[in-house]
Amino acid sequence: MIMVNIFDVKAKLSEYLEAVGRGERVMICKRNRPIAELRRVDAAPAARRLGTAVGTVTIPASFFEPLPDDVLEGFEGRPPRNERASRGAESSATHGPKNRRRK
């Protein structure tokens, strides 16, 4: 492992990158304390081949039909219709700042 200070890395970066390419590890120090490490990156894994699961999954036609309104409302962050109707019937005495406890 090669240990160098920031000043040296700035001055000779290409040399240290060549050393990293050969498999060396370069420890970069600030005031003689390690702060970073340069090391070679392993090759990326090979790309997976597309189409290897063809025929193993069946998607029913109903998957492509529109969702019911109550399900859509849940995704949109609105309460279902039956809950919205009942909220208006609640008395204001159970809600609001007057009934909140202070801690």
N, C-alpha and C. Protein backbone atom coordinates (compact mmCIF):
# COMPACT_ATOMS: atom_id res chain seq x y z
N MET A 1 0.84 -1.17 0.00
CA MET A 1 0.00 0.00 0.00
C MET A 1 0.89 1.24 0.00
N ILE A 2 0.49 2.20 -0.82
CA ILE A 2 1.22 3.45 -0.92
C ILE A 2 0.48 4.50 -0.09
N MET A 3 1.23 5.22 0.77
CA MET A 3 0.61 6.29 1.57
C MET A 3 1.18 7.62 1.09
N VAL A 4 0.26 8.55 0.73
CA VAL A 4 0.68 9.85 0.22
C VAL A 4 -0.18 10.94 0.83
N ASN A 5 0.39 12.14 0.90
CA ASN A 5 -0.37 13.29 1.38
C ASN A 5 -1.09 13.95 0.21
N ILE A 6 -2.08 14.76 0.52
CA ILE A 6 -2.92 15.39 -0.50
C ILE A 6 -2.07 16.18 -1.50
N PHE A 7 -1.08 16.89 -1.03
CA PHE A 7 -0.24 17.68 -1.92
C PHE A 7 0.39 16.80 -3.00
N ASP A 8 0.90 15.63 -2.61
CA ASP A 8 1.52 14.72 -3.57
C ASP A 8 0.50 14.18 -4.57
N VAL A 9 -0.70 13.90 -4.10
CA VAL A 9 -1.73 13.37 -4.99
C VAL A 9 -2.09 14.42 -6.03
N LYS A 10 -2.20 15.68 -5.61
CA LYS A 10 -2.50 16.75 -6.56
C LYS A 10 -1.41 16.86 -7.62
N ALA A 11 -0.17 16.72 -7.20
CA ALA A 11 0.95 16.90 -8.12
C ALA A 11 1.15 15.71 -9.04
N LYS A 12 0.84 14.49 -8.58
CA LYS A 12 1.16 13.28 -9.35
C LYS A 12 -0.03 12.34 -9.48
N LEU A 13 -1.21 12.86 -9.67
CA LEU A 13 -2.40 12.02 -9.71
C LEU A 13 -2.30 10.94 -10.77
N SER A 14 -1.83 11.27 -11.96
CA SER A 14 -1.78 10.26 -13.03
C SER A 14 -0.86 9.10 -12.66
N GLU A 15 0.24 9.38 -11.96
CA GLU A 15 1.15 8.30 -11.54
C GLU A 15 0.46 7.37 -10.55
N TYR A 16 -0.28 7.95 -9.61
CA TYR A 16 -0.96 7.12 -8.61
C TYR A 16 -2.10 6.33 -9.25
N LEU A 17 -2.77 6.91 -10.23
CA LEU A 17 -3.82 6.17 -10.92
C LEU A 17 -3.25 4.99 -11.70
N GLU A 18 -2.07 5.16 -12.27
CA GLU A 18 -1.41 4.04 -12.95
C GLU A 18 -1.08 2.93 -11.95
N ALA A 19 -0.62 3.31 -10.76
CA ALA A 19 -0.31 2.32 -9.73
C ALA A 19 -1.58 1.58 -9.31
N VAL A 20 -2.67 2.30 -9.19
CA VAL A 20 -3.95 1.68 -8.84
C VAL A 20 -4.36 0.70 -9.94
N GLY A 21 -4.14 1.07 -11.19
CA GLY A 21 -4.45 0.19 -12.30
C GLY A 21 -3.66 -1.10 -12.26
N ARG A 22 -2.46 -1.07 -11.69
CA ARG A 22 -1.64 -2.28 -11.55
C ARG A 22 -2.03 -3.10 -10.33
N GLY A 23 -2.99 -2.61 -9.54
CA GLY A 23 -3.43 -3.38 -8.38
C GLY A 23 -3.00 -2.82 -7.04
N GLU A 24 -2.21 -1.75 -7.05
CA GLU A 24 -1.78 -1.12 -5.79
C GLU A 24 -2.95 -0.39 -5.14
N ARG A 25 -2.87 -0.21 -3.85
CA ARG A 25 -3.84 0.61 -3.12
C ARG A 25 -3.11 1.86 -2.65
N VAL A 26 -3.74 3.01 -2.84
CA VAL A 26 -3.13 4.28 -2.47
C VAL A 26 -3.95 4.90 -1.35
N MET A 27 -3.31 5.10 -0.20
CA MET A 27 -3.97 5.72 0.95
C MET A 27 -3.63 7.20 0.92
N ILE A 28 -4.66 8.06 0.85
CA ILE A 28 -4.46 9.50 0.82
C ILE A 28 -4.60 10.03 2.24
N CYS A 29 -3.61 10.81 2.66
CA CYS A 29 -3.58 11.31 4.04
C CYS A 29 -3.66 12.83 4.07
N LYS A 30 -4.21 13.33 5.16
CA LYS A 30 -4.23 14.76 5.43
C LYS A 30 -3.54 14.94 6.77
N ARG A 31 -2.43 15.65 6.75
CA ARG A 31 -1.60 15.80 7.95
C ARG A 31 -1.23 14.43 8.52
N ASN A 32 -0.86 13.54 7.64
CA ASN A 32 -0.40 12.18 7.97
C ASN A 32 -1.47 11.30 8.60
N ARG A 33 -2.74 11.66 8.43
CA ARG A 33 -3.84 10.81 8.88
C ARG A 33 -4.64 10.37 7.67
N PRO A 34 -4.88 9.08 7.52
CA PRO A 34 -5.62 8.59 6.35
C PRO A 34 -7.04 9.16 6.29
N ILE A 35 -7.42 9.65 5.10
CA ILE A 35 -8.78 10.17 4.91
C ILE A 35 -9.48 9.52 3.73
N ALA A 36 -8.73 8.92 2.81
CA ALA A 36 -9.35 8.29 1.65
C ALA A 36 -8.42 7.22 1.10
N GLU A 37 -9.00 6.36 0.29
CA GLU A 37 -8.23 5.28 -0.30
C GLU A 37 -8.60 5.16 -1.77
N LEU A 38 -7.58 5.05 -2.61
CA LEU A 38 -7.80 4.77 -4.02
C LEU A 38 -7.52 3.29 -4.25
N ARG A 39 -8.44 2.62 -4.89
CA ARG A 39 -8.23 1.21 -5.21
C ARG A 39 -8.91 0.90 -6.53
N ARG A 40 -8.46 -0.16 -7.16
CA ARG A 40 -9.00 -0.55 -8.45
C ARG A 40 -10.44 -1.03 -8.29
N VAL A 41 -11.27 -0.67 -9.25
CA VAL A 41 -12.66 -1.09 -9.26
C VAL A 41 -12.75 -2.41 -10.02
N ASP A 42 -13.44 -3.38 -9.42
CA ASP A 42 -13.62 -4.65 -10.11
C ASP A 42 -14.51 -4.46 -11.32
N ALA A 43 -14.36 -5.34 -12.27
CA ALA A 43 -15.18 -5.26 -13.49
C ALA A 43 -16.65 -5.42 -13.13
N ALA A 44 -17.48 -4.70 -13.84
CA ALA A 44 -18.93 -4.78 -13.61
C ALA A 44 -19.43 -6.17 -14.00
N PRO A 45 -20.43 -6.69 -13.29
CA PRO A 45 -20.96 -8.01 -13.65
C PRO A 45 -21.59 -7.97 -15.04
N ALA A 46 -21.59 -9.10 -15.69
CA ALA A 46 -22.16 -9.18 -17.03
C ALA A 46 -23.65 -8.89 -16.98
N ALA A 47 -24.14 -8.26 -18.01
CA ALA A 47 -25.57 -7.94 -18.08
C ALA A 47 -26.38 -9.22 -18.16
N ARG A 48 -27.53 -9.21 -17.48
CA ARG A 48 -28.40 -10.39 -17.53
C ARG A 48 -29.10 -10.45 -18.87
N ARG A 49 -29.31 -11.64 -19.32
CA ARG A 49 -29.96 -11.84 -20.61
C ARG A 49 -31.46 -11.66 -20.45
N LEU A 50 -32.08 -10.89 -21.33
CA LEU A 50 -33.51 -10.66 -21.29
C LEU A 50 -34.26 -11.85 -21.88
N GLY A 51 -35.45 -12.07 -21.37
CA GLY A 51 -36.31 -13.09 -21.95
C GLY A 51 -36.15 -14.48 -21.38
N THR A 52 -35.41 -14.65 -20.30
CA THR A 52 -35.20 -15.99 -19.76
C THR A 52 -36.42 -16.53 -19.02
N ALA A 53 -37.38 -15.67 -18.67
CA ALA A 53 -38.56 -16.12 -17.93
C ALA A 53 -39.82 -16.14 -18.81
N VAL A 54 -39.64 -16.06 -20.11
CA VAL A 54 -40.79 -16.04 -21.02
C VAL A 54 -41.59 -17.33 -20.84
N GLY A 55 -42.91 -17.16 -20.65
CA GLY A 55 -43.79 -18.32 -20.52
C GLY A 55 -43.95 -18.82 -19.10
N THR A 56 -43.20 -18.31 -18.15
CA THR A 56 -43.32 -18.80 -16.78
C THR A 56 -44.31 -17.98 -15.96
N VAL A 57 -44.67 -16.79 -16.43
CA VAL A 57 -45.61 -15.94 -15.72
C VAL A 57 -46.79 -15.65 -16.62
N THR A 58 -48.00 -15.81 -16.07
CA THR A 58 -49.21 -15.52 -16.83
C THR A 58 -49.92 -14.34 -16.17
N ILE A 59 -50.19 -13.32 -16.95
CA ILE A 59 -50.89 -12.14 -16.45
C ILE A 59 -52.32 -12.18 -16.97
N PRO A 60 -53.31 -12.21 -16.07
CA PRO A 60 -54.70 -12.29 -16.53
C PRO A 60 -55.14 -10.98 -17.19
N ALA A 61 -56.14 -11.06 -18.05
CA ALA A 61 -56.64 -9.88 -18.75
C ALA A 61 -57.21 -8.86 -17.78
N SER A 62 -57.72 -9.30 -16.63
CA SER A 62 -58.29 -8.37 -15.64
C SER A 62 -57.23 -7.41 -15.08
N PHE A 63 -55.97 -7.77 -15.21
CA PHE A 63 -54.89 -6.91 -14.74
C PHE A 63 -54.91 -5.55 -15.44
N PHE A 64 -55.33 -5.54 -16.70
CA PHE A 64 -55.30 -4.33 -17.51
C PHE A 64 -56.60 -3.53 -17.44
N GLU A 65 -57.60 -4.02 -16.70
CA GLU A 65 -58.86 -3.30 -16.56
C GLU A 65 -58.70 -2.17 -15.54
N PRO A 66 -59.50 -1.10 -15.67
CA PRO A 66 -59.41 0.01 -14.72
C PRO A 66 -59.72 -0.44 -13.29
N LEU A 67 -59.06 0.20 -12.33
CA LEU A 67 -59.30 -0.12 -10.92
C LEU A 67 -60.61 0.49 -10.46
N PRO A 68 -61.25 -0.13 -9.47
CA PRO A 68 -62.47 0.46 -8.90
C PRO A 68 -62.17 1.82 -8.25
N ASP A 69 -63.20 2.67 -8.16
CA ASP A 69 -63.03 4.02 -7.62
C ASP A 69 -62.50 4.02 -6.20
N ASP A 70 -62.97 3.10 -5.35
CA ASP A 70 -62.51 3.10 -3.96
C ASP A 70 -61.03 2.78 -3.86
N VAL A 71 -60.52 1.93 -4.74
CA VAL A 71 -59.10 1.61 -4.73
C VAL A 71 -58.29 2.82 -5.22
N LEU A 72 -58.75 3.47 -6.28
CA LEU A 72 -58.07 4.65 -6.79
C LEU A 72 -58.01 5.76 -5.75
N GLU A 73 -59.09 5.95 -5.01
CA GLU A 73 -59.10 6.98 -3.98
C GLU A 73 -58.04 6.70 -2.91
N GLY A 74 -57.84 5.44 -2.59
CA GLY A 74 -56.80 5.08 -1.62
C GLY A 74 -55.41 5.45 -2.12
N PHE A 75 -55.16 5.26 -3.42
CA PHE A 75 -53.86 5.62 -3.98
C PHE A 75 -53.67 7.13 -4.03
N GLU A 76 -54.75 7.86 -4.19
CA GLU A 76 -54.68 9.31 -4.31
C GLU A 76 -54.67 10.00 -2.95
N GLY A 77 -54.74 9.24 -1.87
CA GLY A 77 -54.66 9.81 -0.54
C GLY A 77 -55.98 10.31 0.00
N ARG A 78 -57.06 10.06 -0.69
CA ARG A 78 -58.38 10.47 -0.19
C ARG A 78 -59.00 9.29 0.53
N PRO A 79 -59.76 9.54 1.59
CA PRO A 79 -60.43 8.43 2.26
C PRO A 79 -61.53 7.87 1.37
N PRO A 80 -61.86 6.60 1.51
CA PRO A 80 -62.95 6.02 0.73
C PRO A 80 -64.24 6.81 0.94
N ARG A 81 -65.13 6.74 -0.02
CA ARG A 81 -66.37 7.53 0.01
C ARG A 81 -67.18 7.30 1.27
N ASN A 82 -67.29 6.07 1.74
CA ASN A 82 -68.10 5.80 2.93
C ASN A 82 -67.53 6.50 4.16
N GLU A 83 -66.21 6.67 4.26
CA GLU A 83 -65.61 7.38 5.39
C GLU A 83 -65.81 8.88 5.26
N ARG A 84 -65.76 9.42 4.03
CA ARG A 84 -65.96 10.85 3.84
C ARG A 84 -67.36 11.27 4.25
N ALA A 85 -68.35 10.47 3.94
CA ALA A 85 -69.73 10.81 4.27
C ALA A 85 -69.94 10.81 5.77
N SER A 86 -69.32 9.88 6.48
CA SER A 86 -69.55 9.79 7.92
C SER A 86 -68.82 10.88 8.68
N ARG A 87 -67.76 11.43 8.14
CA ARG A 87 -67.02 12.47 8.84
C ARG A 87 -67.86 13.73 9.01
N GLY A 88 -68.67 14.06 8.05
CA GLY A 88 -69.49 15.26 8.14
C GLY A 88 -70.54 15.15 9.21
N ALA A 89 -70.92 13.95 9.58
CA ALA A 89 -71.98 13.76 10.57
C ALA A 89 -71.45 13.82 12.00
N GLU A 90 -70.13 13.78 12.19
CA GLU A 90 -69.58 13.82 13.54
C GLU A 90 -69.76 15.21 14.13
N SER A 91 -69.97 15.27 15.42
CA SER A 91 -70.15 16.57 16.06
C SER A 91 -68.80 17.26 16.19
N SER A 92 -68.82 18.56 16.15
CA SER A 92 -67.58 19.32 16.28
C SER A 92 -67.06 19.30 17.71
N ALA A 93 -67.87 18.83 18.65
CA ALA A 93 -67.44 18.77 20.05
C ALA A 93 -66.32 17.76 20.25
N THR A 94 -66.23 16.75 19.38
CA THR A 94 -65.19 15.74 19.54
C THR A 94 -63.91 16.11 18.81
N HIS A 95 -63.95 17.18 18.03
CA HIS A 95 -62.77 17.60 17.27
C HIS A 95 -62.48 19.06 17.55
N GLY A 96 -61.28 19.46 17.32
CA GLY A 96 -60.94 20.87 17.44
C GLY A 96 -60.03 21.15 18.60
N PRO A 97 -59.55 22.38 18.69
CA PRO A 97 -58.54 22.72 19.69
C PRO A 97 -59.06 22.71 21.12
N LYS A 98 -60.37 22.84 21.33
CA LYS A 98 -60.89 22.89 22.69
C LYS A 98 -60.69 21.58 23.44
N ASN A 99 -60.70 20.46 22.72
CA ASN A 99 -60.61 19.16 23.38
C ASN A 99 -59.20 18.57 23.35
N ARG A 100 -58.22 19.32 22.89
CA ARG A 100 -56.86 18.80 22.86
C ARG A 100 -56.20 19.02 24.21
N ARG A 101 -55.48 18.03 24.63
CA ARG A 101 -54.75 18.13 25.90
C ARG A 101 -53.42 18.82 25.67
N ARG A 102 -53.03 19.60 26.61
CA ARG A 102 -51.71 20.21 26.54
C ARG A 102 -50.75 19.37 27.35
N LYS A 103 -49.56 19.27 26.87
CA LYS A 103 -48.56 18.46 27.57
C LYS A 103 -47.61 19.32 28.34
